[in-house]
């Protein structure tokens, strides 16, 4: 068990409890063999972890002295409002939970992320130091990898694949690269300056997925979901802009402001007849253009 996993265990244990004593923390810690080897959590160790958690995560563990010495997260909003921090803590919490129950490994099924994660460390280090990457990349449509230099702007996880958005220096264009198609990624000594107006979340905010489509503008889209599928869209919206327009026993209409790129159209098609595009008419025609050849494949059955 790494030190980082121990920190996240402590954060999640306190978050779930709301408020908890050091004695209860130590008892829970000692019951977890993988993390503690059945040893207690000494107060000096606990206090060192509190300081390290503040330094690394900016999460403040405070002590309530009135009514008993109880520990709590003093700034939970810093977790809830930070998508990356929340995702990271949730991921480590799940990892800790599974590691505590490895005897159930044959009953816990996960999807595998392609091996591109092996290049993630090199890319993140280059992002941290603002260094140009020397990249060897093999797209699916190429028989041989090609070589170029890129300024790494950000990384994004989508549909179990890691992607890097970067400035291709020779092409002078912003491009997206799948990490599982990278053959080699080495950090050079050349520095670059990240554009002051670049914000990763803002860059993708008007899009679904990773195909941004610079020539496709975001627009108002209205979709109708049938009575069965509407609950899935409500619990897991397609896009952060999604709002509910009307809800009936038979269907629900949702409004989104998003660019209708390839990724978005593919997502709609995955739902088959459970989702209908109502507006705009241009997107309805696009859906028909995709559905018609699909129907032709099976019409003789």
Protein backbone atom coordinates (compact mmCIF):
# COMPACT_ATOMS: atom_id res chain seq x y z
CA UNK A 1 0.00 0.00 0.00
CA UNK A 2 1.53 3.31 -1.07
CA UNK A 3 1.63 6.38 1.13
CA UNK A 4 -0.74 8.16 -1.26
CA UNK A 5 -3.29 5.39 -0.84
CA UNK A 6 -3.01 5.73 2.93
CA UNK A 7 -3.68 9.47 2.66
CA UNK A 8 -6.73 8.90 0.48
CA UNK A 9 -7.97 6.21 2.86
CA UNK A 10 -7.80 8.73 5.69
CA UNK A 11 -9.56 11.45 3.68
CA UNK A 12 -12.36 9.14 2.54
CA UNK A 13 -12.83 7.62 5.99
CA UNK A 14 -13.29 11.07 7.54
CA UNK A 15 -15.51 12.23 4.65
CA UNK A 16 -17.83 9.26 5.02
CA UNK A 17 -18.00 9.61 8.80
CA UNK A 18 -18.52 13.38 8.81
CA UNK A 19 -16.88 13.61 12.20
CA UNK A 20 -14.79 10.91 13.84
CA UNK A 21 -12.46 10.48 16.80
CA UNK A 22 -8.84 9.47 16.54
CA UNK A 23 -9.67 6.34 18.51
CA UNK A 24 -12.29 5.25 15.96
CA UNK A 25 -9.91 6.09 13.09
CA UNK A 26 -7.19 3.98 14.67
CA UNK A 27 -9.59 1.06 15.20
CA UNK A 28 -10.75 1.16 11.55
CA UNK A 29 -7.15 1.49 10.43
CA UNK A 30 -5.95 -1.49 12.45
CA UNK A 31 -8.80 -3.67 11.12
CA UNK A 32 -7.57 -3.09 7.57
CA UNK A 33 -4.72 -5.57 7.11
CA UNK A 34 -3.64 -4.36 3.64
CA UNK A 35 -3.18 -0.79 4.78
CA UNK A 36 -1.99 -1.24 8.38
CA UNK A 37 -0.88 -4.85 8.84
CA UNK A 38 -3.18 -4.79 11.91
CA UNK A 39 -1.17 -2.02 13.59
CA UNK A 40 -2.82 1.05 15.18
CA UNK A 41 -2.69 4.55 13.76
CA UNK A 42 -0.50 6.41 16.25
CA UNK A 43 -1.39 10.02 16.91
CA UNK A 44 2.03 11.29 15.79
CA UNK A 45 1.65 9.44 12.49
CA UNK A 46 -1.90 10.75 12.11
CA UNK A 47 -0.74 14.34 12.64
CA UNK A 48 2.06 13.92 10.07
CA UNK A 49 -0.50 12.62 7.58
CA UNK A 50 -2.76 15.61 8.26
CA UNK A 51 0.08 17.98 7.41
CA UNK A 52 1.03 16.01 4.29
CA UNK A 53 -2.60 15.94 3.10
CA UNK A 54 -2.79 19.70 3.44
CA UNK A 55 0.48 20.18 1.55
CA UNK A 56 -0.36 17.76 -1.28
CA UNK A 57 -4.14 18.10 -1.64
CA UNK A 58 -4.95 21.36 0.18
CA UNK A 59 -7.52 19.42 2.18
CA UNK A 60 -7.72 20.60 5.77
CA UNK A 61 -8.47 18.09 8.53
CA UNK A 62 -9.55 20.03 11.63
CA UNK A 63 -10.40 18.97 15.16
CA UNK A 64 -13.63 19.82 16.96
CA UNK A 65 -12.78 20.14 20.63
CA UNK A 66 -16.24 21.00 21.97
CA UNK A 67 -18.26 17.86 22.64
CA UNK A 68 -15.29 15.55 22.16
CA UNK A 69 -12.17 15.58 20.04
CA UNK A 70 -13.65 14.81 16.63
CA UNK A 71 -11.90 15.24 13.30
CA UNK A 72 -13.60 16.51 10.13
CA UNK A 73 -12.85 17.93 6.68
CA UNK A 74 -12.90 21.71 7.12
CA UNK A 75 -13.08 22.57 3.39
CA UNK A 76 -15.19 19.85 1.68
CA UNK A 77 -16.14 22.32 -1.05
CA UNK A 78 -12.53 22.24 -2.27
CA UNK A 79 -13.09 18.56 -3.06
CA UNK A 80 -16.60 18.86 -4.48
CA UNK A 81 -15.72 21.83 -6.71
CA UNK A 82 -12.49 20.34 -8.07
CA UNK A 83 -13.37 17.66 -10.62
CA UNK A 84 -9.84 16.27 -10.88
CA UNK A 85 -9.32 16.09 -7.13
CA UNK A 86 -12.72 14.46 -6.65
CA UNK A 87 -12.07 11.92 -9.41
CA UNK A 88 -8.63 11.12 -8.03
CA UNK A 89 -9.88 10.63 -4.47
CA UNK A 90 -12.84 8.56 -5.68
CA UNK A 91 -10.50 6.41 -7.79
CA UNK A 92 -8.14 5.80 -4.88
CA UNK A 93 -11.08 5.11 -2.59
CA UNK A 94 -12.36 2.42 -4.97
CA UNK A 95 -8.83 1.04 -5.30
CA UNK A 96 -8.51 0.87 -1.53
CA UNK A 97 -11.90 -0.80 -1.23
CA UNK A 98 -11.00 -3.46 -3.78
CA UNK A 99 -7.58 -4.05 -2.23
CA UNK A 100 -9.34 -4.70 1.08
CA UNK A 101 -11.48 -7.35 -0.60
CA UNK A 102 -9.13 -9.15 -2.98
CA UNK A 103 -10.76 -12.43 -2.07
CA UNK A 104 -13.66 -11.20 -4.24
CA UNK A 105 -11.46 -10.49 -7.27
CA UNK A 106 -13.33 -13.05 -9.39
CA UNK A 107 -16.59 -11.20 -8.66
CA UNK A 108 -15.40 -7.63 -9.36
CA UNK A 109 -15.30 -6.84 -13.08
CA UNK A 110 -13.60 -3.73 -14.50
CA UNK A 111 -12.88 -2.47 -17.99
CA UNK A 112 -9.23 -2.35 -18.96
CA UNK A 113 -7.73 0.95 -20.12
CA UNK A 114 -5.42 0.44 -23.16
CA UNK A 115 -1.70 0.40 -22.44
CA UNK A 116 -1.30 4.08 -23.40
CA UNK A 117 -1.20 4.86 -19.70
CA UNK A 118 2.46 3.83 -19.82
CA UNK A 119 3.18 7.19 -21.50
CA UNK A 120 1.05 9.19 -19.09
CA UNK A 121 3.91 9.87 -16.66
CA UNK A 122 6.17 11.25 -19.40
CA UNK A 123 3.42 13.52 -20.68
CA UNK A 124 2.45 14.82 -17.25
CA UNK A 125 6.10 15.52 -16.40
CA UNK A 126 6.45 17.46 -19.65
CA UNK A 127 3.26 19.40 -18.85
CA UNK A 128 4.55 20.18 -15.37
CA UNK A 129 7.87 21.52 -16.66
CA UNK A 130 6.46 23.06 -19.87
CA UNK A 131 8.83 20.98 -21.98
CA UNK A 132 8.33 19.97 -25.61
CA UNK A 133 7.73 16.25 -26.23
CA UNK A 134 9.56 14.23 -28.85
CA UNK A 135 6.77 11.96 -30.06
CA UNK A 136 6.60 8.86 -32.23
CA UNK A 137 2.97 8.19 -33.15
CA UNK A 138 1.18 5.55 -35.21
CA UNK A 139 -2.38 6.41 -36.21
CA UNK A 140 -4.72 3.58 -37.14
CA UNK A 141 -4.65 4.63 -40.80
CA UNK A 142 -0.82 4.63 -41.01
CA UNK A 143 1.36 1.59 -41.65
CA UNK A 144 4.41 3.18 -39.96
CA UNK A 145 4.76 5.55 -37.02
CA UNK A 146 5.69 9.14 -37.75
CA UNK A 147 7.84 11.50 -35.72
CA UNK A 148 7.18 15.09 -34.57
CA UNK A 149 7.47 17.53 -31.67
CA UNK A 150 4.46 18.63 -29.67
CA UNK A 151 3.74 21.02 -26.81
CA UNK A 152 1.50 19.10 -24.37
CA UNK A 153 -1.43 21.23 -23.20
CA UNK A 154 -3.61 18.77 -21.27
CA UNK A 155 -4.71 15.14 -20.99
CA UNK A 156 -8.24 13.74 -20.91
CA UNK A 157 -9.73 10.34 -20.12
CA UNK A 158 -12.69 9.39 -22.32
CA UNK A 159 -14.33 6.01 -23.02
CA UNK A 160 -11.48 4.18 -21.23
CA UNK A 161 -8.78 5.84 -23.34
CA UNK A 162 -6.32 8.57 -22.41
CA UNK A 163 -5.83 11.43 -24.88
CA UNK A 164 -3.37 14.31 -25.03
CA UNK A 165 -4.22 17.70 -26.50
CA UNK A 166 -1.16 19.50 -27.78
CA UNK A 167 0.29 21.99 -30.21
CA UNK A 168 1.95 20.21 -33.13
CA UNK A 169 4.91 22.51 -33.79
CA UNK A 170 5.61 21.57 -37.41
CA UNK A 171 1.93 21.84 -38.38
CA UNK A 172 1.30 24.80 -36.07
CA UNK A 173 -2.05 23.25 -35.12
CA UNK A 174 -3.77 22.01 -31.99
CA UNK A 175 -4.15 18.25 -32.28
CA UNK A 176 -5.48 15.40 -30.16
CA UNK A 177 -3.44 12.21 -29.73
CA UNK A 178 -4.54 8.87 -28.23
CA UNK A 179 -1.95 7.62 -25.77
CA UNK A 180 -2.37 3.99 -26.80
CA UNK A 181 -1.16 4.95 -30.28
CA UNK A 182 2.00 6.62 -29.01
CA UNK A 183 5.09 4.49 -29.64
CA UNK A 184 7.55 6.76 -27.84
CA UNK A 185 7.27 9.95 -25.80
CA UNK A 186 10.44 11.65 -24.56
CA UNK A 187 10.71 15.01 -22.88
CA UNK A 188 13.17 17.36 -24.60
CA UNK A 189 15.12 20.27 -23.09
CA UNK A 190 13.13 22.80 -25.13
CA UNK A 191 10.67 24.84 -23.13
CA UNK A 192 7.35 26.20 -24.35
CA UNK A 193 4.91 28.71 -22.92
CA UNK A 194 1.34 27.61 -22.40
CA UNK A 195 -0.99 30.25 -23.90
CA UNK A 196 -2.29 32.48 -21.14
CA UNK A 197 -5.85 32.17 -22.43
CA UNK A 198 -5.84 28.36 -22.54
CA UNK A 199 -8.10 26.54 -20.10
CA UNK A 200 -8.55 22.79 -20.55
CA UNK A 201 -12.09 22.65 -19.16
CA UNK A 202 -13.18 25.62 -21.26
CA UNK A 203 -11.61 24.12 -24.38
CA UNK A 204 -13.82 21.02 -24.16
CA UNK A 205 -16.86 22.64 -22.51
CA UNK A 206 -18.94 22.93 -25.68
CA UNK A 207 -18.18 19.41 -26.87
CA UNK A 208 -19.02 15.82 -26.02
CA UNK A 209 -16.05 13.48 -25.90
CA UNK A 210 -12.73 14.26 -27.52
CA UNK A 211 -13.58 15.11 -31.14
CA UNK A 212 -13.77 18.87 -30.88
CA UNK A 213 -14.37 19.74 -34.56
CA UNK A 214 -13.14 23.31 -34.93
CA UNK A 215 -15.50 23.80 -37.89
CA UNK A 216 -18.59 22.67 -35.92
CA UNK A 217 -20.14 25.32 -33.72
CA UNK A 218 -22.11 24.51 -30.55
CA UNK A 219 -25.87 24.98 -30.88
CA UNK A 220 -29.17 24.35 -29.12
CA UNK A 221 -30.18 20.70 -29.43
CA UNK A 222 -33.42 19.16 -28.19
CA UNK A 223 -33.73 15.40 -27.78
CA UNK A 224 -36.63 13.23 -26.68
CA UNK A 225 -36.05 10.14 -24.59
CA UNK A 226 -38.62 7.40 -24.12
CA UNK A 227 -40.05 6.48 -20.73
CA UNK A 228 -37.41 3.83 -20.06
CA UNK A 229 -34.28 5.74 -21.05
CA UNK A 230 -35.18 9.15 -19.59
CA UNK A 231 -34.12 8.02 -16.13
CA UNK A 232 -30.62 7.19 -17.39
CA UNK A 233 -30.27 10.64 -18.96
CA UNK A 234 -31.49 12.25 -15.76
CA UNK A 235 -29.04 10.37 -13.54
CA UNK A 236 -26.11 10.68 -15.99
CA UNK A 237 -26.52 13.72 -18.29
CA UNK A 238 -24.96 13.62 -21.74
CA UNK A 239 -23.44 17.07 -21.21
CA UNK A 240 -23.12 19.62 -18.43
CA UNK A 241 -25.49 21.96 -20.33
CA UNK A 242 -28.32 19.41 -20.31
CA UNK A 243 -31.61 20.64 -18.82
CA UNK A 244 -35.04 19.04 -18.59
CA UNK A 245 -37.71 20.80 -20.69
CA UNK A 246 -40.69 18.54 -20.02
CA UNK A 247 -41.37 15.20 -18.42
CA UNK A 248 -44.39 13.01 -19.12
CA UNK A 249 -45.33 9.39 -18.51
CA UNK A 250 -44.30 8.48 -22.07
CA UNK A 251 -41.21 10.61 -22.69
CA UNK A 252 -38.95 13.42 -21.51
CA UNK A 253 -37.46 16.26 -23.57
CA UNK A 254 -33.98 17.56 -22.83
CA UNK A 255 -32.19 20.65 -24.10
CA UNK A 256 -28.43 20.84 -24.60
CA UNK A 257 -26.02 23.43 -25.91
CA UNK A 258 -23.26 21.40 -27.53
CA UNK A 259 -21.45 20.96 -30.82
CA UNK A 260 -22.93 18.01 -32.80
CA UNK A 261 -19.58 16.39 -33.55
CA UNK A 262 -18.88 12.78 -34.54
CA UNK A 263 -18.62 11.70 -30.89
CA UNK A 264 -21.97 13.24 -30.01
CA UNK A 265 -23.78 11.68 -32.98
CA UNK A 266 -22.26 8.29 -32.14
CA UNK A 267 -23.46 8.62 -28.54
CA UNK A 268 -27.00 9.33 -29.70
CA UNK A 269 -26.91 6.38 -32.08
CA UNK A 270 -25.89 4.06 -29.24
CA UNK A 271 -29.32 4.59 -27.70
CA UNK A 272 -31.10 3.46 -30.86
CA UNK A 273 -34.83 4.31 -30.93
CA UNK A 274 -34.83 5.30 -27.26
CA UNK A 275 -33.64 8.82 -28.22
CA UNK A 276 -35.02 11.05 -30.98
CA UNK A 277 -33.47 14.34 -32.08
CA UNK A 278 -36.20 16.98 -32.25
CA UNK A 279 -34.08 20.01 -33.08
CA UNK A 280 -32.29 21.22 -35.13
CA UNK A 281 -33.50 19.78 -38.43
CA UNK A 282 -29.91 19.64 -39.71
CA UNK A 283 -28.97 17.18 -36.97
CA UNK A 284 -32.12 15.14 -37.67
CA UNK A 285 -30.94 14.78 -41.27
CA UNK A 286 -27.47 13.75 -40.07
CA UNK A 287 -29.00 11.05 -37.90
CA UNK A 288 -31.04 9.81 -40.87
CA UNK A 289 -27.92 9.73 -43.06
CA UNK A 290 -26.23 7.49 -40.49
CA UNK A 291 -29.25 5.27 -39.82
CA UNK A 292 -30.21 4.62 -43.47
CA UNK A 293 -27.09 2.60 -44.48
CA UNK A 294 -27.33 0.76 -41.17
CA UNK A 295 -30.91 -0.23 -42.01
CA UNK A 296 -29.81 -1.30 -45.50
CA UNK A 297 -27.43 -3.84 -43.95
CA UNK A 298 -30.32 -5.69 -42.30
CA UNK A 299 -33.42 -4.92 -44.39
CA UNK A 300 -33.35 -8.29 -46.20
CA UNK A 301 -33.37 -10.34 -43.01
